[in-house]
Amino acid sequence: MISAAILGITAMLLAVQLKNMRSELGLYVALASTIIIFSYGVDKLAVVLEMVNRLSGYLSIPAAYLGILMKMVGITYICEFASALCRDGGYQSIAVQLETFGKLSILAVSTPVILSLFETIESLLG
């Protein structure tokens, strides 16, 4: 985390300096640094996946649900990453559309879990 924070702060300071000279250079520095920091996060994802696999052995939750949960987390991170880049570039409308698409994607992916929840509620009530 410390190396990612140092990279982020350094890139931000460099981008601010370059933005005064040529605004597109600041954007390129910001883009490169966010991709590098994002790749750091993806490397840590392997640890999280291993932990989720261990937890699935302890719990009686179907593996499909855990897979859906991981897809939802992935969609969230990718959507946040892309929308932040668009905001940094000054394209608010594209960022909002990406966020809306991400929310709809999460809803679509989570549909089996929602249906299972309603079936469980129905069996408890009926």
C-alpha atoms as a PDB file:
ATOM      1  CA  MET A   1       0.000   0.000   0.000  1.00  0.00           C
ATOM      2  CA  ILE A   2       2.833   2.367   0.789  1.00  0.00           C
ATOM      3  CA  SER A   3       4.375   1.961  -2.671  1.00  0.00           C
ATOM      4  CA  ALA A   4       1.004   2.565  -4.333  1.00  0.00           C
ATOM      5  CA  ALA A   5       0.439   5.668  -2.203  1.00  0.00           C
ATOM      6  CA  ILE A   6       3.903   7.023  -3.011  1.00  0.00           C
ATOM      7  CA  LEU A   7       3.342   6.351  -6.709  1.00  0.00           C
ATOM      8  CA  GLY A   8      -0.034   8.081  -6.586  1.00  0.00           C
ATOM      9  CA  ILE A   9       1.241  11.158  -4.779  1.00  0.00           C
ATOM     10  CA  THR A  10       4.285  11.436  -7.042  1.00  0.00           C
ATOM     11  CA  ALA A  11       2.153  11.057 -10.163  1.00  0.00           C
ATOM     12  CA  MET A  12      -0.302  13.652  -8.883  1.00  0.00           C
ATOM     13  CA  LEU A  13       2.472  16.174  -8.237  1.00  0.00           C
ATOM     14  CA  LEU A  14       4.017  15.500 -11.643  1.00  0.00           C
ATOM     15  CA  ALA A  15       0.628  15.734 -13.364  1.00  0.00           C
ATOM     16  CA  VAL A  16      -0.092  19.084 -11.710  1.00  0.00           C
ATOM     17  CA  GLN A  17       3.248  20.450 -12.929  1.00  0.00           C
ATOM     18  CA  LEU A  18       2.767  19.112 -16.452  1.00  0.00           C
ATOM     19  CA  LYS A  19      -0.839  20.245 -16.586  1.00  0.00           C
ATOM     20  CA  ASN A  20       0.324  23.858 -16.330  1.00  0.00           C
ATOM     21  CA  MET A  21       2.563  23.388 -19.386  1.00  0.00           C
ATOM     22  CA  ARG A  22       0.354  21.103 -21.490  1.00  0.00           C
ATOM     23  CA  SER A  23      -2.889  19.744 -20.071  1.00  0.00           C
ATOM     24  CA  GLU A  24      -2.812  16.499 -22.049  1.00  0.00           C
ATOM     25  CA  LEU A  25       0.540  15.512 -20.524  1.00  0.00           C
ATOM     26  CA  GLY A  26      -0.945  15.721 -17.049  1.00  0.00           C
ATOM     27  CA  LEU A  27      -3.776  13.472 -18.159  1.00  0.00           C
ATOM     28  CA  TYR A  28      -1.343  10.915 -19.595  1.00  0.00           C
ATOM     29  CA  VAL A  29       0.646  10.820 -16.347  1.00  0.00           C
ATOM     30  CA  ALA A  30      -2.572  10.360 -14.380  1.00  0.00           C
ATOM     31  CA  LEU A  31      -3.699   7.596 -16.736  1.00  0.00           C
ATOM     32  CA  ALA A  32      -0.391   5.742 -16.531  1.00  0.00           C
ATOM     33  CA  SER A  33      -0.260   5.941 -12.752  1.00  0.00           C
ATOM     34  CA  THR A  34      -3.825   4.742 -12.312  1.00  0.00           C
ATOM     35  CA  ILE A  35      -3.168   1.767 -14.570  1.00  0.00           C
ATOM     36  CA  ILE A  36      -0.077   0.849 -12.553  1.00  0.00           C
ATOM     37  CA  ILE A  37      -1.921   1.219  -9.240  1.00  0.00           C
ATOM     38  CA  PHE A  38      -4.856  -0.777 -10.641  1.00  0.00           C
ATOM     39  CA  SER A  39      -2.446  -3.567 -11.594  1.00  0.00           C
ATOM     40  CA  TYR A  40      -1.165  -3.575  -7.991  1.00  0.00           C
ATOM     41  CA  GLY A  41      -4.754  -4.127  -6.895  1.00  0.00           C
ATOM     42  CA  VAL A  42      -5.291  -6.940  -9.374  1.00  0.00           C
ATOM     43  CA  ASP A  43      -2.227  -8.704  -7.968  1.00  0.00           C
ATOM     44  CA  LYS A  44      -3.813  -8.562  -4.505  1.00  0.00           C
ATOM     45  CA  LEU A  45      -6.992 -10.037  -5.903  1.00  0.00           C
ATOM     46  CA  ALA A  46      -5.424 -13.507  -5.974  1.00  0.00           C
ATOM     47  CA  VAL A  47      -5.144 -13.397  -2.173  1.00  0.00           C
ATOM     48  CA  VAL A  48      -8.796 -12.403  -1.865  1.00  0.00           C
ATOM     49  CA  LEU A  49      -9.899 -15.184  -4.223  1.00  0.00           C
ATOM     50  CA  GLU A  50      -7.977 -17.740  -2.191  1.00  0.00           C
ATOM     51  CA  MET A  51      -9.652 -16.519   0.991  1.00  0.00           C
ATOM     52  CA  VAL A  52     -13.099 -16.691  -0.619  1.00  0.00           C
ATOM     53  CA  ASN A  53     -12.397 -20.257  -1.739  1.00  0.00           C
ATOM     54  CA  ARG A  54     -11.422 -21.179   1.822  1.00  0.00           C
ATOM     55  CA  LEU A  55     -14.544 -19.539   3.208  1.00  0.00           C
ATOM     56  CA  SER A  56     -16.728 -21.411   0.738  1.00  0.00           C
ATOM     57  CA  GLY A  57     -15.374 -24.652   2.236  1.00  0.00           C
ATOM     58  CA  TYR A  58     -16.520 -23.585   5.696  1.00  0.00           C
ATOM     59  CA  LEU A  59     -19.924 -22.253   4.702  1.00  0.00           C
ATOM     60  CA  SER A  60     -22.829 -24.019   3.105  1.00  0.00           C
ATOM     61  CA  ILE A  61     -23.191 -21.327   0.457  1.00  0.00           C
ATOM     62  CA  PRO A  62     -23.227 -22.590  -3.127  1.00  0.00           C
ATOM     63  CA  ALA A  63     -20.050 -21.764  -5.028  1.00  0.00           C
ATOM     64  CA  ALA A  64     -22.129 -20.090  -7.740  1.00  0.00           C
ATOM     65  CA  TYR A  65     -23.185 -17.397  -5.273  1.00  0.00           C
ATOM     66  CA  LEU A  66     -19.614 -16.667  -4.326  1.00  0.00           C
ATOM     67  CA  GLY A  67     -18.746 -16.455  -8.005  1.00  0.00           C
ATOM     68  CA  ILE A  68     -21.552 -13.965  -8.506  1.00  0.00           C
ATOM     69  CA  LEU A  69     -20.298 -11.954  -5.531  1.00  0.00           C
ATOM     70  CA  MET A  70     -16.790 -11.816  -7.007  1.00  0.00           C
ATOM     71  CA  LYS A  71     -18.205 -10.728 -10.384  1.00  0.00           C
ATOM     72  CA  MET A  72     -20.118  -7.941  -8.672  1.00  0.00           C
ATOM     73  CA  VAL A  73     -16.979  -6.753  -6.879  1.00  0.00           C
ATOM     74  CA  GLY A  74     -15.027  -6.864 -10.151  1.00  0.00           C
ATOM     75  CA  ILE A  75     -17.678  -4.870 -11.995  1.00  0.00           C
ATOM     76  CA  THR A  76     -17.667  -2.311  -9.201  1.00  0.00           C
ATOM     77  CA  TYR A  77     -13.898  -1.813  -9.262  1.00  0.00           C
ATOM     78  CA  ILE A  78     -13.630  -1.645 -13.046  1.00  0.00           C
ATOM     79  CA  CYS A  79     -16.553   0.773 -13.263  1.00  0.00           C
ATOM     80  CA  GLU A  80     -15.116   3.021 -10.552  1.00  0.00           C
ATOM     81  CA  PHE A  81     -11.702   2.969 -12.243  1.00  0.00           C
ATOM     82  CA  ALA A  82     -13.081   3.864 -15.670  1.00  0.00           C
ATOM     83  CA  SER A  83     -15.432   6.561 -14.415  1.00  0.00           C
ATOM     84  CA  ALA A  84     -12.672   8.199 -12.341  1.00  0.00           C
ATOM     85  CA  LEU A  85     -10.460   8.344 -15.438  1.00  0.00           C
ATOM     86  CA  CYS A  86     -13.261   9.960 -17.417  1.00  0.00           C
ATOM     87  CA  ARG A  87     -13.838  12.502 -14.642  1.00  0.00           C
ATOM     88  CA  ASP A  88     -10.120  13.316 -14.547  1.00  0.00           C
ATOM     89  CA  GLY A  89     -10.239  13.883 -18.291  1.00  0.00           C
ATOM     90  CA  GLY A  90     -13.182  16.241 -17.889  1.00  0.00           C
ATOM     91  CA  TYR A  91     -15.829  13.960 -19.373  1.00  0.00           C
ATOM     92  CA  GLN A  92     -18.484  13.901 -16.636  1.00  0.00           C
ATOM     93  CA  SER A  93     -21.252  12.635 -18.909  1.00  0.00           C
ATOM     94  CA  ILE A  94     -19.263   9.573 -19.952  1.00  0.00           C
ATOM     95  CA  ALA A  95     -18.388   8.889 -16.300  1.00  0.00           C
ATOM     96  CA  VAL A  96     -22.069   9.011 -15.327  1.00  0.00           C
ATOM     97  CA  GLN A  97     -22.991   6.665 -18.176  1.00  0.00           C
ATOM     98  CA  LEU A  98     -20.277   4.206 -17.123  1.00  0.00           C
ATOM     99  CA  GLU A  99     -21.574   4.250 -13.558  1.00  0.00           C
ATOM    100  CA  THR A 100     -25.139   3.674 -14.752  1.00  0.00           C
ATOM    101  CA  PHE A 101     -24.005   0.785 -16.954  1.00  0.00           C
ATOM    102  CA  GLY A 102     -22.055  -0.675 -14.022  1.00  0.00           C
ATOM    103  CA  LYS A 103     -25.126  -0.555 -11.783  1.00  0.00           C
ATOM    104  CA  LEU A 104     -27.234  -2.242 -14.442  1.00  0.00           C
ATOM    105  CA  SER A 105     -24.533  -4.893 -14.941  1.00  0.00           C
ATOM    106  CA  ILE A 106     -24.466  -5.625 -11.214  1.00  0.00           C
ATOM    107  CA  LEU A 107     -28.244  -5.921 -11.209  1.00  0.00           C
ATOM    108  CA  ALA A 108     -28.129  -8.327 -14.153  1.00  0.00           C
ATOM    109  CA  VAL A 109     -25.405 -10.472 -12.579  1.00  0.00           C
ATOM    110  CA  SER A 110     -27.156 -10.577  -9.197  1.00  0.00           C
ATOM    111  CA  THR A 111     -30.526 -11.684 -10.580  1.00  0.00           C
ATOM    112  CA  PRO A 112     -30.048 -15.382  -9.656  1.00  0.00           C
ATOM    113  CA  VAL A 113     -29.285 -14.439  -6.050  1.00  0.00           C
ATOM    114  CA  ILE A 114     -32.329 -12.179  -5.862  1.00  0.00           C
ATOM    115  CA  LEU A 115     -34.545 -14.914  -7.289  1.00  0.00           C
ATOM    116  CA  SER A 116     -33.153 -17.407  -4.776  1.00  0.00           C
ATOM    117  CA  LEU A 117     -33.841 -14.957  -1.959  1.00  0.00           C
ATOM    118  CA  PHE A 118     -37.463 -14.552  -3.061  1.00  0.00           C
ATOM    119  CA  GLU A 119     -37.844 -18.337  -3.308  1.00  0.00           C
ATOM    120  CA  THR A 120     -36.490 -18.727   0.219  1.00  0.00           C
ATOM    121  CA  ILE A 121     -38.859 -16.046   1.554  1.00  0.00           C
ATOM    122  CA  GLU A 122     -41.761 -17.693  -0.233  1.00  0.00           C
ATOM    123  CA  SER A 123     -40.922 -21.099   1.249  1.00  0.00           C
ATOM    124  CA  LEU A 124     -40.708 -19.603   4.741  1.00  0.00           C
ATOM    125  CA  LEU A 125     -44.053 -17.795   4.378  1.00  0.00           C
ATOM    126  CA  GLY A 126     -45.917 -20.539   2.561  1.00  0.00           C
END
